Amino acid sequence: QVQVVESGGGLVQTGGSLSLSCSFSVSIFDINEMGWYRQPPGTQHQRELVATISGGRTTYGDFVKGRFTLSRDVRKNAIYLQMNDLKPEDTSVYYCVAKRGFDYWGQGTQVTVSS
């Protein structure tokens, strides 16, 4: 079992920045893959890849286009998503995930970008 706790998010204007944090109850060295997905609230859309890291390799969703940066702190068992140049279409609920045989999801945090 892995506990996943997110923080950050909120409301920002177009072109602004936000930072999301995610902490895990186990060492990140014991997690196969970790990162962020997003899903518009109230929809049944499949969660969209934002950024993940696995084996030292970071993968970003096609829409990111250099605007977001995923980083990790091994001492704190945490990862961070720095989001810059935010656009209204980035409005969504952002979910942190730890993949360790099973997918452990956080509760989600709302990001709203106003035009």
N, C-alpha and C. Protein backbone atom coordinates (compact mmCIF):
# COMPACT_ATOMS: atom_id res chain seq x y z
N GLN A 1 0.85 -1.19 0.00
CA GLN A 1 0.00 0.00 0.00
C GLN A 1 0.88 1.24 0.00
N VAL A 2 0.50 2.22 -0.82
CA VAL A 2 1.23 3.48 -0.90
C VAL A 2 0.23 4.61 -0.70
N GLN A 3 0.52 5.47 0.26
CA GLN A 3 -0.29 6.67 0.45
C GLN A 3 0.26 7.78 -0.44
N VAL A 4 -0.65 8.44 -1.14
CA VAL A 4 -0.27 9.50 -2.07
C VAL A 4 -0.99 10.78 -1.66
N VAL A 5 -0.24 11.81 -1.35
CA VAL A 5 -0.83 13.06 -0.87
C VAL A 5 -0.37 14.22 -1.75
N GLU A 6 -1.33 14.89 -2.35
CA GLU A 6 -1.03 16.01 -3.23
C GLU A 6 -1.27 17.33 -2.52
N SER A 7 -0.61 18.35 -3.00
CA SER A 7 -0.87 19.72 -2.55
C SER A 7 -0.51 20.66 -3.68
N GLY A 8 -0.99 21.89 -3.55
CA GLY A 8 -0.77 22.86 -4.59
C GLY A 8 -2.03 23.04 -5.41
N GLY A 9 -1.89 23.59 -6.57
CA GLY A 9 -3.04 23.86 -7.40
C GLY A 9 -3.68 25.18 -7.02
N GLY A 10 -4.80 25.48 -7.66
CA GLY A 10 -5.49 26.73 -7.38
C GLY A 10 -5.88 27.44 -8.66
N LEU A 11 -6.07 28.74 -8.53
CA LEU A 11 -6.53 29.58 -9.64
C LEU A 11 -5.40 30.50 -10.08
N VAL A 12 -5.20 30.57 -11.37
CA VAL A 12 -4.15 31.43 -11.92
C VAL A 12 -4.62 31.99 -13.25
N GLN A 13 -4.07 33.12 -13.64
CA GLN A 13 -4.43 33.71 -14.92
C GLN A 13 -3.58 33.09 -16.04
N THR A 14 -4.07 33.24 -17.25
CA THR A 14 -3.34 32.75 -18.42
C THR A 14 -1.92 33.31 -18.42
N GLY A 15 -0.96 32.41 -18.66
CA GLY A 15 0.44 32.81 -18.65
C GLY A 15 1.11 32.69 -17.31
N GLY A 16 0.34 32.40 -16.28
CA GLY A 16 0.88 32.30 -14.93
C GLY A 16 1.50 30.94 -14.66
N SER A 17 1.93 30.77 -13.42
CA SER A 17 2.62 29.54 -13.01
C SER A 17 2.00 28.97 -11.74
N LEU A 18 2.10 27.66 -11.62
CA LEU A 18 1.68 26.96 -10.41
C LEU A 18 2.63 25.80 -10.18
N SER A 19 2.71 25.40 -8.91
CA SER A 19 3.54 24.25 -8.58
C SER A 19 2.70 23.24 -7.79
N LEU A 20 2.78 22.00 -8.19
CA LEU A 20 2.10 20.91 -7.49
C LEU A 20 3.13 20.04 -6.78
N SER A 21 2.75 19.54 -5.63
CA SER A 21 3.61 18.65 -4.87
C SER A 21 2.89 17.35 -4.59
N CYS A 22 3.66 16.29 -4.48
CA CYS A 22 3.08 14.98 -4.19
C CYS A 22 4.07 14.20 -3.33
N SER A 23 3.61 13.74 -2.19
CA SER A 23 4.48 12.96 -1.31
C SER A 23 3.95 11.54 -1.19
N PHE A 24 4.88 10.62 -0.98
CA PHE A 24 4.55 9.20 -0.90
C PHE A 24 4.92 8.65 0.47
N SER A 25 4.22 7.60 0.87
CA SER A 25 4.46 7.00 2.18
C SER A 25 5.59 5.98 2.16
N VAL A 26 6.14 5.73 0.96
CA VAL A 26 7.26 4.81 0.83
C VAL A 26 8.39 5.53 0.09
N SER A 27 9.55 4.94 0.13
CA SER A 27 10.68 5.51 -0.60
C SER A 27 10.38 5.52 -2.09
N ILE A 28 10.76 6.61 -2.76
CA ILE A 28 10.50 6.66 -4.19
C ILE A 28 11.35 5.64 -4.94
N PHE A 29 12.38 5.13 -4.30
CA PHE A 29 13.17 4.08 -4.94
C PHE A 29 12.40 2.76 -4.99
N ASP A 30 11.33 2.66 -4.21
CA ASP A 30 10.49 1.46 -4.21
C ASP A 30 9.27 1.63 -5.11
N ILE A 31 9.21 2.70 -5.88
CA ILE A 31 8.10 2.96 -6.79
C ILE A 31 8.62 2.82 -8.22
N ASN A 32 7.94 2.03 -9.01
CA ASN A 32 8.39 1.78 -10.37
C ASN A 32 8.25 3.01 -11.26
N GLU A 33 7.12 3.66 -11.14
CA GLU A 33 6.84 4.84 -11.96
C GLU A 33 5.97 5.79 -11.16
N MET A 34 6.21 7.07 -11.26
CA MET A 34 5.41 8.05 -10.52
C MET A 34 5.25 9.29 -11.37
N GLY A 35 4.16 10.01 -11.12
CA GLY A 35 3.98 11.22 -11.90
C GLY A 35 2.58 11.78 -11.80
N TRP A 36 2.18 12.49 -12.84
CA TRP A 36 0.92 13.24 -12.85
C TRP A 36 0.11 12.93 -14.10
N TYR A 37 -1.20 12.83 -13.87
CA TYR A 37 -2.18 12.75 -14.95
C TYR A 37 -3.22 13.81 -14.65
N ARG A 38 -4.05 14.09 -15.64
CA ARG A 38 -5.12 15.05 -15.41
C ARG A 38 -6.41 14.59 -16.06
N GLN A 39 -7.50 15.07 -15.52
CA GLN A 39 -8.83 14.70 -16.02
C GLN A 39 -9.77 15.85 -15.73
N PRO A 40 -10.47 16.38 -16.72
CA PRO A 40 -11.42 17.46 -16.47
C PRO A 40 -12.47 17.00 -15.46
N PRO A 41 -12.85 17.83 -14.51
CA PRO A 41 -13.82 17.42 -13.49
C PRO A 41 -15.18 17.13 -14.09
N GLY A 42 -15.85 16.15 -13.54
CA GLY A 42 -17.19 15.82 -13.97
C GLY A 42 -17.25 15.13 -15.31
N THR A 43 -16.13 14.64 -15.78
CA THR A 43 -16.12 13.95 -17.07
C THR A 43 -15.68 12.50 -16.87
N GLN A 44 -15.96 11.71 -17.87
CA GLN A 44 -15.52 10.33 -17.88
C GLN A 44 -14.35 10.14 -18.82
N HIS A 45 -13.74 11.26 -19.21
CA HIS A 45 -12.60 11.16 -20.11
C HIS A 45 -11.47 10.37 -19.45
N GLN A 46 -10.74 9.67 -20.25
CA GLN A 46 -9.57 8.96 -19.73
C GLN A 46 -8.56 9.98 -19.23
N ARG A 47 -7.94 9.64 -18.13
CA ARG A 47 -6.94 10.55 -17.59
C ARG A 47 -5.79 10.70 -18.57
N GLU A 48 -5.35 11.92 -18.73
CA GLU A 48 -4.33 12.26 -19.72
C GLU A 48 -2.97 12.38 -19.05
N LEU A 49 -1.98 11.79 -19.68
CA LEU A 49 -0.62 11.88 -19.14
C LEU A 49 -0.14 13.33 -19.15
N VAL A 50 0.37 13.77 -18.00
CA VAL A 50 1.02 15.06 -17.91
C VAL A 50 2.54 14.85 -17.90
N ALA A 51 3.02 14.09 -16.89
CA ALA A 51 4.45 13.81 -16.79
C ALA A 51 4.66 12.65 -15.83
N THR A 52 5.54 11.76 -16.21
CA THR A 52 5.91 10.66 -15.31
C THR A 52 7.41 10.43 -15.37
N ILE A 53 7.92 9.78 -14.34
CA ILE A 53 9.32 9.42 -14.30
C ILE A 53 9.43 7.96 -13.90
N SER A 54 10.28 7.25 -14.64
CA SER A 54 10.48 5.84 -14.40
C SER A 54 11.91 5.49 -14.76
N GLY A 55 12.63 4.89 -13.83
CA GLY A 55 14.00 4.51 -14.10
C GLY A 55 14.88 5.67 -14.50
N GLY A 56 14.58 6.85 -13.99
CA GLY A 56 15.38 8.02 -14.31
C GLY A 56 14.98 8.72 -15.60
N ARG A 57 14.02 8.16 -16.31
CA ARG A 57 13.56 8.75 -17.57
C ARG A 57 12.24 9.46 -17.35
N THR A 58 12.15 10.70 -17.78
CA THR A 58 10.94 11.51 -17.64
C THR A 58 10.21 11.58 -18.98
N THR A 59 8.92 11.37 -18.93
CA THR A 59 8.08 11.43 -20.12
C THR A 59 7.02 12.50 -19.91
N TYR A 60 6.83 13.35 -20.90
CA TYR A 60 5.82 14.41 -20.83
C TYR A 60 4.74 14.20 -21.88
N GLY A 61 3.54 14.64 -21.55
CA GLY A 61 2.47 14.63 -22.52
C GLY A 61 2.79 15.57 -23.68
N ASP A 62 2.23 15.26 -24.84
CA ASP A 62 2.54 16.05 -26.03
C ASP A 62 2.16 17.52 -25.87
N PHE A 63 1.13 17.79 -25.08
CA PHE A 63 0.65 19.16 -24.95
C PHE A 63 1.58 20.02 -24.09
N VAL A 64 2.49 19.40 -23.35
CA VAL A 64 3.32 20.16 -22.41
C VAL A 64 4.25 21.13 -23.14
N LYS A 65 4.90 20.66 -24.18
CA LYS A 65 5.73 21.53 -25.04
C LYS A 65 6.69 22.41 -24.24
N GLY A 66 7.38 21.80 -23.28
CA GLY A 66 8.43 22.50 -22.54
C GLY A 66 7.93 23.42 -21.44
N ARG A 67 6.64 23.46 -21.18
CA ARG A 67 6.11 24.38 -20.20
C ARG A 67 6.17 23.84 -18.76
N PHE A 68 6.16 22.53 -18.62
CA PHE A 68 6.12 21.90 -17.30
C PHE A 68 7.43 21.17 -17.03
N THR A 69 7.79 21.09 -15.73
CA THR A 69 8.98 20.36 -15.33
C THR A 69 8.66 19.48 -14.14
N LEU A 70 8.97 18.21 -14.28
CA LEU A 70 8.78 17.25 -13.19
C LEU A 70 10.12 17.04 -12.50
N SER A 71 10.11 17.13 -11.18
CA SER A 71 11.33 16.89 -10.42
C SER A 71 11.00 16.04 -9.20
N ARG A 72 12.05 15.55 -8.53
CA ARG A 72 11.81 14.71 -7.37
C ARG A 72 12.83 15.01 -6.28
N ASP A 73 12.43 14.73 -5.06
CA ASP A 73 13.30 14.89 -3.90
C ASP A 73 13.35 13.54 -3.19
N VAL A 74 14.45 12.84 -3.33
CA VAL A 74 14.54 11.49 -2.79
C VAL A 74 14.54 11.48 -1.26
N ARG A 75 14.99 12.59 -0.65
CA ARG A 75 15.01 12.63 0.81
C ARG A 75 13.61 12.78 1.38
N LYS A 76 12.76 13.48 0.65
CA LYS A 76 11.39 13.72 1.11
C LYS A 76 10.39 12.75 0.51
N ASN A 77 10.86 11.85 -0.35
CA ASN A 77 9.94 10.92 -1.04
C ASN A 77 8.82 11.70 -1.71
N ALA A 78 9.21 12.68 -2.48
CA ALA A 78 8.22 13.56 -3.08
C ALA A 78 8.60 13.89 -4.51
N ILE A 79 7.59 14.26 -5.27
CA ILE A 79 7.81 14.78 -6.62
C ILE A 79 7.08 16.11 -6.74
N TYR A 80 7.54 16.89 -7.71
CA TYR A 80 6.98 18.22 -7.90
C TYR A 80 6.73 18.45 -9.38
N LEU A 81 5.69 19.20 -9.67
CA LEU A 81 5.39 19.57 -11.05
C LEU A 81 5.32 21.10 -11.11
N GLN A 82 6.31 21.68 -11.75
CA GLN A 82 6.32 23.13 -11.97
C GLN A 82 5.66 23.40 -13.31
N MET A 83 4.59 24.18 -13.28
CA MET A 83 3.83 24.47 -14.50
C MET A 83 3.94 25.95 -14.82
N ASN A 84 4.47 26.26 -15.98
CA ASN A 84 4.62 27.64 -16.42
C ASN A 84 3.81 27.88 -17.68
N ASP A 85 3.58 29.16 -17.96
CA ASP A 85 2.85 29.54 -19.17
C ASP A 85 1.53 28.78 -19.28
N LEU A 86 0.78 28.79 -18.21
CA LEU A 86 -0.46 28.03 -18.17
C LEU A 86 -1.51 28.64 -19.09
N LYS A 87 -2.35 27.76 -19.65
CA LYS A 87 -3.38 28.15 -20.59
C LYS A 87 -4.74 27.70 -20.07
N PRO A 88 -5.82 28.31 -20.53
CA PRO A 88 -7.15 27.87 -20.07
C PRO A 88 -7.40 26.39 -20.30
N GLU A 89 -6.86 25.84 -21.36
CA GLU A 89 -7.05 24.41 -21.64
C GLU A 89 -6.30 23.51 -20.68
N ASP A 90 -5.45 24.09 -19.83
CA ASP A 90 -4.80 23.30 -18.78
C ASP A 90 -5.71 23.12 -17.56
N THR A 91 -6.84 23.80 -17.56
CA THR A 91 -7.79 23.64 -16.46
C THR A 91 -8.24 22.20 -16.35
N SER A 92 -8.05 21.62 -15.16
CA SER A 92 -8.36 20.22 -14.98
C SER A 92 -8.11 19.84 -13.53
N VAL A 93 -8.46 18.61 -13.18
CA VAL A 93 -8.05 18.04 -11.90
C VAL A 93 -6.78 17.23 -12.16
N TYR A 94 -5.76 17.52 -11.41
CA TYR A 94 -4.47 16.87 -11.58
C TYR A 94 -4.30 15.80 -10.50
N TYR A 95 -3.95 14.60 -10.95
CA TYR A 95 -3.82 13.46 -10.05
C TYR A 95 -2.37 12.96 -10.03
N CYS A 96 -1.88 12.72 -8.84
CA CYS A 96 -0.57 12.11 -8.68
C CYS A 96 -0.74 10.61 -8.58
N VAL A 97 0.19 9.85 -9.13
CA VAL A 97 0.09 8.40 -9.12
C VAL A 97 1.43 7.78 -8.79
N ALA A 98 1.39 6.68 -8.04
CA ALA A 98 2.56 5.85 -7.77
C ALA A 98 2.23 4.46 -8.28
N LYS A 99 3.07 3.96 -9.18
CA LYS A 99 2.84 2.65 -9.76
C LYS A 99 3.84 1.67 -9.16
N ARG A 100 3.29 0.71 -8.45
CA ARG A 100 4.12 -0.26 -7.74
C ARG A 100 3.35 -1.58 -7.71
N GLY A 101 3.24 -2.19 -8.86
CA GLY A 101 2.43 -3.39 -8.97
C GLY A 101 0.96 -3.05 -9.10
N PHE A 102 0.55 -2.01 -8.47
CA PHE A 102 -0.81 -1.48 -8.50
C PHE A 102 -0.68 0.03 -8.61
N ASP A 103 -1.69 0.66 -9.19
CA ASP A 103 -1.66 2.12 -9.31
C ASP A 103 -2.31 2.76 -8.09
N TYR A 104 -1.53 3.55 -7.38
CA TYR A 104 -2.04 4.26 -6.21
C TYR A 104 -2.21 5.73 -6.58
N TRP A 105 -3.43 6.22 -6.47
CA TRP A 105 -3.76 7.58 -6.89
C TRP A 105 -4.01 8.48 -5.69
N GLY A 106 -3.65 9.74 -5.85
CA GLY A 106 -4.02 10.75 -4.88
C GLY A 106 -5.47 11.18 -5.10
N GLN A 107 -5.91 12.11 -4.28
CA GLN A 107 -7.31 12.53 -4.32
C GLN A 107 -7.57 13.55 -5.43
N GLY A 108 -6.51 14.09 -6.00
CA GLY A 108 -6.65 15.08 -7.07
C GLY A 108 -6.64 16.50 -6.53
N THR A 109 -6.11 17.39 -7.32
CA THR A 109 -6.09 18.80 -6.95
C THR A 109 -6.49 19.64 -8.16
N GLN A 110 -7.34 20.61 -7.94
CA GLN A 110 -7.91 21.40 -9.03
C GLN A 110 -6.93 22.49 -9.47
N VAL A 111 -6.76 22.58 -10.76
CA VAL A 111 -6.01 23.68 -11.37
C VAL A 111 -6.96 24.40 -12.31
N THR A 112 -7.13 25.70 -12.10
CA THR A 112 -8.02 26.50 -12.93
C THR A 112 -7.24 27.67 -13.50
N VAL A 113 -7.28 27.79 -14.82
CA VAL A 113 -6.57 28.87 -15.50
C VAL A 113 -7.62 29.76 -16.15
N SER A 114 -7.68 30.99 -15.71
CA SER A 114 -8.67 31.92 -16.24
C SER A 114 -8.10 32.66 -17.45
N SER A 115 -8.99 32.99 -18.37
CA SER A 115 -8.56 33.68 -19.60
C SER A 115 -8.60 35.19 -19.42
